[in-house]
Protein backbone atom coordinates (compact mmCIF):
# COMPACT_ATOMS: atom_id res chain seq x y z
CA UNK A 1 97.34 110.22 109.65
CA UNK A 2 94.51 112.47 108.75
CA UNK A 3 90.97 111.06 108.74
CA UNK A 4 89.65 112.12 105.40
CA UNK A 5 86.03 112.86 106.27
CA UNK A 6 84.80 115.70 104.12
CA UNK A 7 81.28 116.44 105.27
CA UNK A 8 81.12 119.88 103.64
CA UNK A 9 81.41 118.27 100.22
CA UNK A 10 79.17 115.32 101.09
CA UNK A 11 82.11 112.93 100.65
CA UNK A 12 82.57 109.80 102.62
CA UNK A 13 85.98 108.35 103.31
CA UNK A 14 86.50 106.10 106.30
CA UNK A 15 89.46 106.37 108.65
CA UNK A 16 92.79 105.46 107.11
CA UNK A 17 94.31 104.39 110.38
CA UNK A 18 92.57 101.28 111.66
CA UNK A 19 89.08 100.43 112.57
CA UNK A 20 87.18 99.55 115.70
CA UNK A 21 87.30 95.86 114.80
CA UNK A 22 91.07 95.81 115.31
CA UNK A 23 92.17 95.65 118.93
CA UNK A 24 95.29 97.57 119.93
CA UNK A 25 96.39 94.65 122.07
CA UNK A 26 99.33 92.97 120.22
CA UNK A 27 98.28 89.43 121.15
CA UNK A 28 94.71 90.07 120.00
CA UNK A 29 95.99 91.43 116.71
CA UNK A 30 98.12 88.30 116.17
CA UNK A 31 95.14 86.04 116.84
CA UNK A 32 92.98 88.09 114.50
CA UNK A 33 95.55 87.93 111.71
CA UNK A 34 95.86 84.17 112.13
CA UNK A 35 92.07 83.78 112.00
CA UNK A 36 91.82 85.93 108.87
CA UNK A 37 94.65 83.98 107.21
CA UNK A 38 92.90 80.69 108.00
CA UNK A 39 89.62 81.93 106.59
CA UNK A 40 91.31 83.14 103.41
CA UNK A 41 93.06 79.80 102.91
CA UNK A 42 89.82 77.85 103.29
CA UNK A 43 87.75 80.12 101.06
CA UNK A 44 85.48 81.10 103.98
CA UNK A 45 86.61 84.71 104.18
CA UNK A 46 84.18 87.63 103.93
CA UNK A 47 86.67 89.14 101.51
CA UNK A 48 85.43 86.75 98.84
CA UNK A 49 82.27 88.78 98.36
CA UNK A 50 81.97 90.29 94.92
CA UNK A 51 81.67 89.37 91.26
CA UNK A 52 83.54 86.91 89.10
CA UNK A 53 86.42 88.58 87.26
CA UNK A 54 86.67 87.36 83.68
CA UNK A 55 89.91 89.08 82.83
CA UNK A 56 91.06 90.13 79.37
CA UNK A 57 91.56 88.14 76.19
CA UNK A 58 95.23 87.13 75.74
CA UNK A 59 97.10 89.42 73.31
CA UNK A 60 94.11 91.77 73.21
CA UNK A 61 96.48 94.73 73.70
CA UNK A 62 99.39 95.28 71.37
CA UNK A 63 101.25 97.24 74.03
CA UNK A 64 100.69 98.00 77.69
CA UNK A 65 98.51 96.25 80.25
CA UNK A 66 95.44 97.39 82.21
CA UNK A 67 96.63 97.04 85.80
CA UNK A 68 98.46 99.28 88.26
CA UNK A 69 102.24 98.67 88.33
CA UNK A 70 102.18 95.21 86.73
CA UNK A 71 100.00 92.48 85.24
CA UNK A 72 100.82 89.87 87.90
CA UNK A 73 99.33 89.50 91.38
CA UNK A 74 100.78 91.77 94.07
CA UNK A 75 100.57 91.00 97.79
CA UNK A 76 98.79 93.95 99.36
CA UNK A 77 96.57 95.01 102.23
CA UNK A 78 92.90 95.88 101.85
CA UNK A 79 90.14 97.10 104.16
CA UNK A 80 86.88 95.57 102.96
CA UNK A 81 83.59 96.15 104.76
CA UNK A 82 85.63 97.61 107.65
CA UNK A 83 87.70 94.42 108.02
CA UNK A 84 91.45 94.55 107.43
CA UNK A 85 93.13 91.86 105.33
CA UNK A 86 96.91 91.62 105.08
CA UNK A 87 99.13 90.41 102.26
CA UNK A 88 96.48 89.08 99.91
CA UNK A 89 96.98 88.77 96.12
CA UNK A 90 95.52 91.88 94.49
CA UNK A 91 95.29 93.62 91.14
CA UNK A 92 94.03 97.15 90.59
CA UNK A 93 92.36 97.44 87.18
CA UNK A 94 92.93 101.01 85.98
CA UNK A 95 90.75 100.64 82.90
CA UNK A 96 87.68 99.89 85.00
CA UNK A 97 88.78 101.38 88.34
CA UNK A 98 88.16 98.05 90.08
CA UNK A 99 90.07 96.10 92.73
CA UNK A 100 90.53 92.38 92.05
CA UNK A 101 91.43 89.70 94.62
CA UNK A 102 92.68 86.24 93.74
CA UNK A 103 90.40 83.46 95.02
CA UNK A 104 91.90 80.95 97.45
CA UNK A 105 92.07 78.21 94.78
CA UNK A 106 94.35 80.47 92.68
CA UNK A 107 92.33 79.51 89.60
CA UNK A 108 89.84 82.38 89.61
CA UNK A 109 89.49 85.95 90.81
CA UNK A 110 86.85 88.18 92.37
CA UNK A 111 86.00 91.74 91.46
CA UNK A 112 85.40 93.40 94.84
CA UNK A 113 82.38 95.66 95.31
CA UNK A 114 83.94 99.09 94.99
CA UNK A 115 81.79 100.89 97.56
CA UNK A 116 82.72 98.29 100.20
CA UNK A 117 86.47 98.91 99.83
CA UNK A 118 87.63 101.55 102.30
CA UNK A 119 91.31 101.49 101.32
CA UNK A 120 94.07 99.26 99.98
CA UNK A 121 97.85 99.36 99.58
CA UNK A 122 100.09 97.98 96.84
CA UNK A 123 103.88 98.22 97.01
CA UNK A 124 103.76 101.25 99.29
CA UNK A 125 101.01 103.02 97.32
CA UNK A 126 97.92 103.72 99.44
CA UNK A 127 94.53 104.13 97.80
CA UNK A 128 91.29 105.28 99.41
CA UNK A 129 87.74 105.17 98.13
CA UNK A 130 85.78 108.41 97.83
CA UNK A 131 82.05 108.17 97.40
CA UNK A 132 80.09 110.81 95.49
CA UNK A 133 77.05 111.54 97.63
CA UNK A 134 75.94 114.88 96.21
CA UNK A 135 75.47 116.72 92.94
CA UNK A 136 77.87 119.59 93.68
CA UNK A 137 80.98 117.45 94.05
CA UNK A 138 84.06 118.51 92.12
CA UNK A 139 85.59 115.03 92.14
CA UNK A 140 84.17 111.72 90.89
CA UNK A 141 83.57 108.65 93.03
CA UNK A 142 86.30 106.02 92.86
CA UNK A 143 89.75 105.01 94.08
CA UNK A 144 92.38 107.70 94.61
CA UNK A 145 96.00 107.35 95.60
CA UNK A 146 96.79 109.33 98.73
CA UNK A 147 100.07 111.05 97.88
CA UNK A 148 100.08 113.34 100.90
CA UNK A 149 97.84 113.88 103.92
CA UNK A 150 98.39 116.52 106.58
CA UNK A 151 96.86 120.00 106.72
CA UNK A 152 96.35 119.63 103.00
CA UNK A 153 95.43 116.42 101.18
CA UNK A 154 96.98 115.55 97.82
CA UNK A 155 95.39 112.82 95.70
CA UNK A 156 96.03 111.25 92.32
CA UNK A 157 93.43 109.56 90.13
CA UNK A 158 95.24 106.82 88.26
CA UNK A 159 93.68 106.00 84.90
CA UNK A 160 94.41 103.93 81.83
CA UNK A 161 92.48 104.15 78.57
CA UNK A 162 92.42 102.10 75.39
CA UNK A 163 93.53 103.75 72.17
CA UNK A 164 92.75 102.04 68.88
CA UNK A 165 94.31 102.22 65.46
CA UNK A 166 93.60 100.36 62.22
CA UNK A 167 96.26 98.85 60.00
CA UNK A 168 96.44 96.15 57.34
CA UNK A 169 96.93 93.67 60.19
CA UNK A 170 93.67 94.73 61.81
CA UNK A 171 92.74 96.76 64.87
CA UNK A 172 95.59 97.56 67.22
CA UNK A 173 94.77 98.36 70.83
CA UNK A 174 97.22 100.11 73.09
CA UNK A 175 97.11 101.33 76.68
CA UNK A 176 97.59 104.99 77.49
CA UNK A 177 98.23 106.22 81.05
CA UNK A 178 96.38 109.31 82.29
CA UNK A 179 96.89 110.65 85.80
CA UNK A 180 94.82 113.45 87.34
CA UNK A 181 95.77 115.38 90.48
CA UNK A 182 93.62 116.97 93.17
CA UNK A 183 94.32 118.99 96.29
CA UNK A 184 91.87 119.48 99.14
CA UNK A 185 92.06 123.10 100.27
CA UNK A 186 89.57 125.69 101.52
CA UNK A 187 86.85 123.08 101.99
CA UNK A 188 86.93 121.72 98.46
CA UNK A 189 88.91 119.61 96.00
CA UNK A 190 90.67 121.52 93.27
CA UNK A 191 92.18 119.84 90.23
CA UNK A 192 95.58 120.83 88.81
CA UNK A 193 97.78 119.40 86.08
CA UNK A 194 101.16 121.03 86.59
CA UNK A 195 103.45 122.48 89.23
CA UNK A 196 102.60 126.01 88.13
CA UNK A 197 98.84 125.40 88.46
CA UNK A 198 99.44 123.88 91.90
CA UNK A 199 101.34 126.97 93.00
CA UNK A 200 98.47 129.13 91.76
CA UNK A 201 96.14 127.26 94.11
CA UNK A 202 98.60 127.85 96.95
CA UNK A 203 98.88 131.52 95.99
CA UNK A 204 99.12 132.80 99.59
CA UNK A 205 102.68 131.46 99.65
CA UNK A 206 103.50 131.86 96.00
CA UNK A 207 106.66 133.89 96.61
CA UNK A 208 108.15 131.36 99.05
CA UNK A 209 107.10 128.40 96.91
CA UNK A 210 108.60 129.92 93.77
CA UNK A 211 111.94 130.32 95.56
CA UNK A 212 111.74 126.76 96.86
CA UNK A 213 111.03 125.43 93.37
CA UNK A 214 113.90 127.44 91.90
CA UNK A 215 116.34 125.93 94.39
CA UNK A 216 115.15 122.41 93.59
CA UNK A 217 114.48 122.98 89.90
CA UNK A 218 116.82 120.29 88.59
CA UNK A 219 115.44 117.60 90.89
CA UNK A 220 111.82 118.61 90.39
CA UNK A 221 112.15 118.51 86.62
CA UNK A 222 113.08 114.81 86.74
CA UNK A 223 110.40 113.85 89.27
CA UNK A 224 107.32 116.08 88.83
CA UNK A 225 105.06 113.99 91.05
CA UNK A 226 107.59 113.96 93.88
CA UNK A 227 107.88 117.70 93.36
CA UNK A 228 104.14 118.15 93.92
CA UNK A 229 104.37 116.26 97.21
CA UNK A 230 107.40 118.27 98.32
CA UNK A 231 105.72 121.58 97.44
CA UNK A 232 102.55 120.75 99.36
CA UNK A 233 104.60 119.59 102.34
CA UNK A 234 106.64 122.80 102.25
CA UNK A 235 103.45 124.87 102.11
CA UNK A 236 102.14 123.07 105.19
CA UNK A 237 105.37 123.85 107.03
CA UNK A 238 104.98 127.54 106.21
CA UNK A 239 101.48 127.68 107.67
């Protein structure tokens, strides 16, 4: 897996593969996992370092919910302050771009300090944290889903926003989903919003990519995000 360290853009993203704290020795890893599990269960874990999460008022939204995938807790993995934690209850708040962990007593939750989260995974979706360290950056600091990582890197910024409307019953608040896509190519991130704009970025292979898309047109039409991943992967194979 590619280490996403983009020094030319003054970005910081730590290694996605494992960290020096984790020994490659299987028995050491088992002991470490058991120790981490014990610390989590007793409330003594370093993971419980953040801010109290107050949540949202019940029935505040007429439709939709603010979290990634679902409103309930999801067992996921997270790397926090370079320490890896496995199968802990997490929620990713897309309204605020914050990662929430359930406290060991299951009665409260903690809003993790964003800059201390290196990466996390929920139901097979891997997210990394990118930090904005300069003024010439073309991408904002925050969590990004890593859709593809090889010669090229394909990221998605998952967002939800509140839309409001007024009726005789009062203010109605709904959740709208907005996803943004970025590709790292030629030493910089470039944003695109469609398959055609992606192909324009990959213009060196536009002819081959256009043929590839034509062959898979029916499938790609149903699954545009999967199509983006397939196109970038195909481009990498052509290089």
